[in-house]
Amino acid sequence: MAYVITSPCGAEKAAECVEVCPVECIEPGDDQFYINPDICIDCGACVSVCPVDAIYHEDEVPDDEIEYVDLARKFFGI
């Protein structure tokens, strides 16, 4: 996993992250966006444009949002 999108995305789902991603690794889910770790190049472009600060590097996901690491893995079948 590289970057993980967490719960604030569900309320916003603004898509600025999708627009700035140079490798098109962010995919829409039913309730939020997800970052494909097999495609992500760890550039961090998505982090700086997220209007709700929902994107974290996997190693920095807050404890109360850690379930979103597993949700992303499930979304991509990892």
C-alpha atoms as a PDB file:
ATOM      1  CA  MET A   1       0.000   0.000   0.000  1.00  0.00           C
ATOM      2  CA  ALA A   2       1.200   3.485  -0.715  1.00  0.00           C
ATOM      3  CA  TYR A   3      -1.441   6.091   0.084  1.00  0.00           C
ATOM      4  CA  VAL A   4      -4.833   5.354   1.631  1.00  0.00           C
ATOM      5  CA  ILE A   5      -8.008   7.396   1.424  1.00  0.00           C
ATOM      6  CA  THR A   6      -9.942   7.538   4.698  1.00  0.00           C
ATOM      7  CA  SER A   7     -13.450   8.356   5.964  1.00  0.00           C
ATOM      8  CA  PRO A   8     -13.642  12.108   5.225  1.00  0.00           C
ATOM      9  CA  CYS A   9     -13.721  11.225   1.519  1.00  0.00           C
ATOM     10  CA  GLY A  10     -17.090   9.536   1.923  1.00  0.00           C
ATOM     11  CA  ALA A  11     -18.762  12.790   2.825  1.00  0.00           C
ATOM     12  CA  GLU A  12     -16.958  14.851   0.197  1.00  0.00           C
ATOM     13  CA  LYS A  13     -15.861  12.623  -2.719  1.00  0.00           C
ATOM     14  CA  ALA A  14     -14.616  15.753  -4.475  1.00  0.00           C
ATOM     15  CA  ALA A  15     -12.248  14.105  -7.009  1.00  0.00           C
ATOM     16  CA  GLU A  16      -9.474  16.697  -7.008  1.00  0.00           C
ATOM     17  CA  CYS A  17      -7.149  13.782  -6.253  1.00  0.00           C
ATOM     18  CA  VAL A  18      -8.252  11.962  -9.398  1.00  0.00           C
ATOM     19  CA  GLU A  19      -7.571  15.026 -11.523  1.00  0.00           C
ATOM     20  CA  VAL A  20      -3.971  15.515 -10.312  1.00  0.00           C
ATOM     21  CA  CYS A  21      -2.831  11.890 -10.242  1.00  0.00           C
ATOM     22  CA  PRO A  22      -0.139  11.486 -12.914  1.00  0.00           C
ATOM     23  CA  VAL A  23      -0.605   7.712 -13.191  1.00  0.00           C
ATOM     24  CA  GLU A  24      -4.407   7.491 -12.879  1.00  0.00           C
ATOM     25  CA  CYS A  25      -4.302   5.152  -9.880  1.00  0.00           C
ATOM     26  CA  ILE A  26      -7.350   6.536  -8.057  1.00  0.00           C
ATOM     27  CA  GLU A  27     -10.594   4.717  -8.715  1.00  0.00           C
ATOM     28  CA  PRO A  28     -14.129   5.488  -7.597  1.00  0.00           C
ATOM     29  CA  GLY A  29     -15.913   3.124  -5.255  1.00  0.00           C
ATOM     30  CA  ASP A  30     -19.554   3.286  -4.243  1.00  0.00           C
ATOM     31  CA  ASP A  31     -18.832   5.397  -1.191  1.00  0.00           C
ATOM     32  CA  GLN A  32     -15.384   6.941  -1.736  1.00  0.00           C
ATOM     33  CA  PHE A  33     -12.261   6.871  -3.907  1.00  0.00           C
ATOM     34  CA  TYR A  34      -9.522   4.257  -3.564  1.00  0.00           C
ATOM     35  CA  ILE A  35      -5.837   4.382  -4.500  1.00  0.00           C
ATOM     36  CA  ASN A  36      -4.499   1.352  -6.366  1.00  0.00           C
ATOM     37  CA  PRO A  37      -1.203   0.484  -4.627  1.00  0.00           C
ATOM     38  CA  ASP A  38       0.055  -1.440  -7.665  1.00  0.00           C
ATOM     39  CA  ILE A  39      -0.087   1.698  -9.802  1.00  0.00           C
ATOM     40  CA  CYS A  40       0.615   4.483  -7.269  1.00  0.00           C
ATOM     41  CA  ILE A  41       4.115   5.933  -7.584  1.00  0.00           C
ATOM     42  CA  ASP A  42       4.113   7.547  -4.119  1.00  0.00           C
ATOM     43  CA  CYS A  43       4.300  11.078  -5.534  1.00  0.00           C
ATOM     44  CA  GLY A  44       1.903  12.568  -2.974  1.00  0.00           C
ATOM     45  CA  ALA A  45       0.179  14.878  -5.463  1.00  0.00           C
ATOM     46  CA  CYS A  46      -3.211  13.703  -4.222  1.00  0.00           C
ATOM     47  CA  VAL A  47      -2.470  14.566  -0.600  1.00  0.00           C
ATOM     48  CA  SER A  48      -1.988  18.264  -1.156  1.00  0.00           C
ATOM     49  CA  VAL A  49      -5.218  18.768  -3.129  1.00  0.00           C
ATOM     50  CA  CYS A  50      -7.612  16.792  -0.947  1.00  0.00           C
ATOM     51  CA  PRO A  51     -10.067  19.360   0.466  1.00  0.00           C
ATOM     52  CA  VAL A  52     -10.894  17.217   3.508  1.00  0.00           C
ATOM     53  CA  ASP A  53      -7.414  15.855   4.350  1.00  0.00           C
ATOM     54  CA  ALA A  54      -8.546  12.268   3.818  1.00  0.00           C
ATOM     55  CA  ILE A  55      -5.347  10.905   2.231  1.00  0.00           C
ATOM     56  CA  TYR A  56      -2.471   9.487   4.253  1.00  0.00           C
ATOM     57  CA  HIS A  57       0.557   7.370   3.548  1.00  0.00           C
ATOM     58  CA  GLU A  58      -0.222   3.874   4.808  1.00  0.00           C
ATOM     59  CA  ASP A  59       2.312   4.209   7.615  1.00  0.00           C
ATOM     60  CA  GLU A  60       0.688   7.447   8.820  1.00  0.00           C
ATOM     61  CA  VAL A  61      -3.005   6.543   8.797  1.00  0.00           C
ATOM     62  CA  PRO A  62      -4.489   7.617  12.163  1.00  0.00           C
ATOM     63  CA  ASP A  63      -5.404   4.771  14.492  1.00  0.00           C
ATOM     64  CA  ASP A  64      -9.105   5.607  14.287  1.00  0.00           C
ATOM     65  CA  GLU A  65      -8.974   5.315  10.469  1.00  0.00           C
ATOM     66  CA  ILE A  66      -6.868   2.130  10.210  1.00  0.00           C
ATOM     67  CA  GLU A  67      -9.851   0.127   8.929  1.00  0.00           C
ATOM     68  CA  TYR A  68      -9.513   2.052   5.642  1.00  0.00           C
ATOM     69  CA  VAL A  69      -6.240   0.263   4.927  1.00  0.00           C
ATOM     70  CA  ASP A  70      -8.154  -3.027   4.949  1.00  0.00           C
ATOM     71  CA  LEU A  71     -11.014  -1.555   2.934  1.00  0.00           C
ATOM     72  CA  ALA A  72      -8.566  -0.474   0.238  1.00  0.00           C
ATOM     73  CA  ARG A  73      -6.960  -3.915   0.193  1.00  0.00           C
ATOM     74  CA  LYS A  74     -10.368  -5.540  -0.198  1.00  0.00           C
ATOM     75  CA  PHE A  75     -11.366  -3.100  -2.944  1.00  0.00           C
ATOM     76  CA  PHE A  76      -8.306  -4.127  -4.987  1.00  0.00           C
ATOM     77  CA  GLY A  77      -8.375  -7.807  -3.990  1.00  0.00           C
ATOM     78  CA  ILE A  78      -5.081  -7.708  -2.132  1.00  0.00           C
END
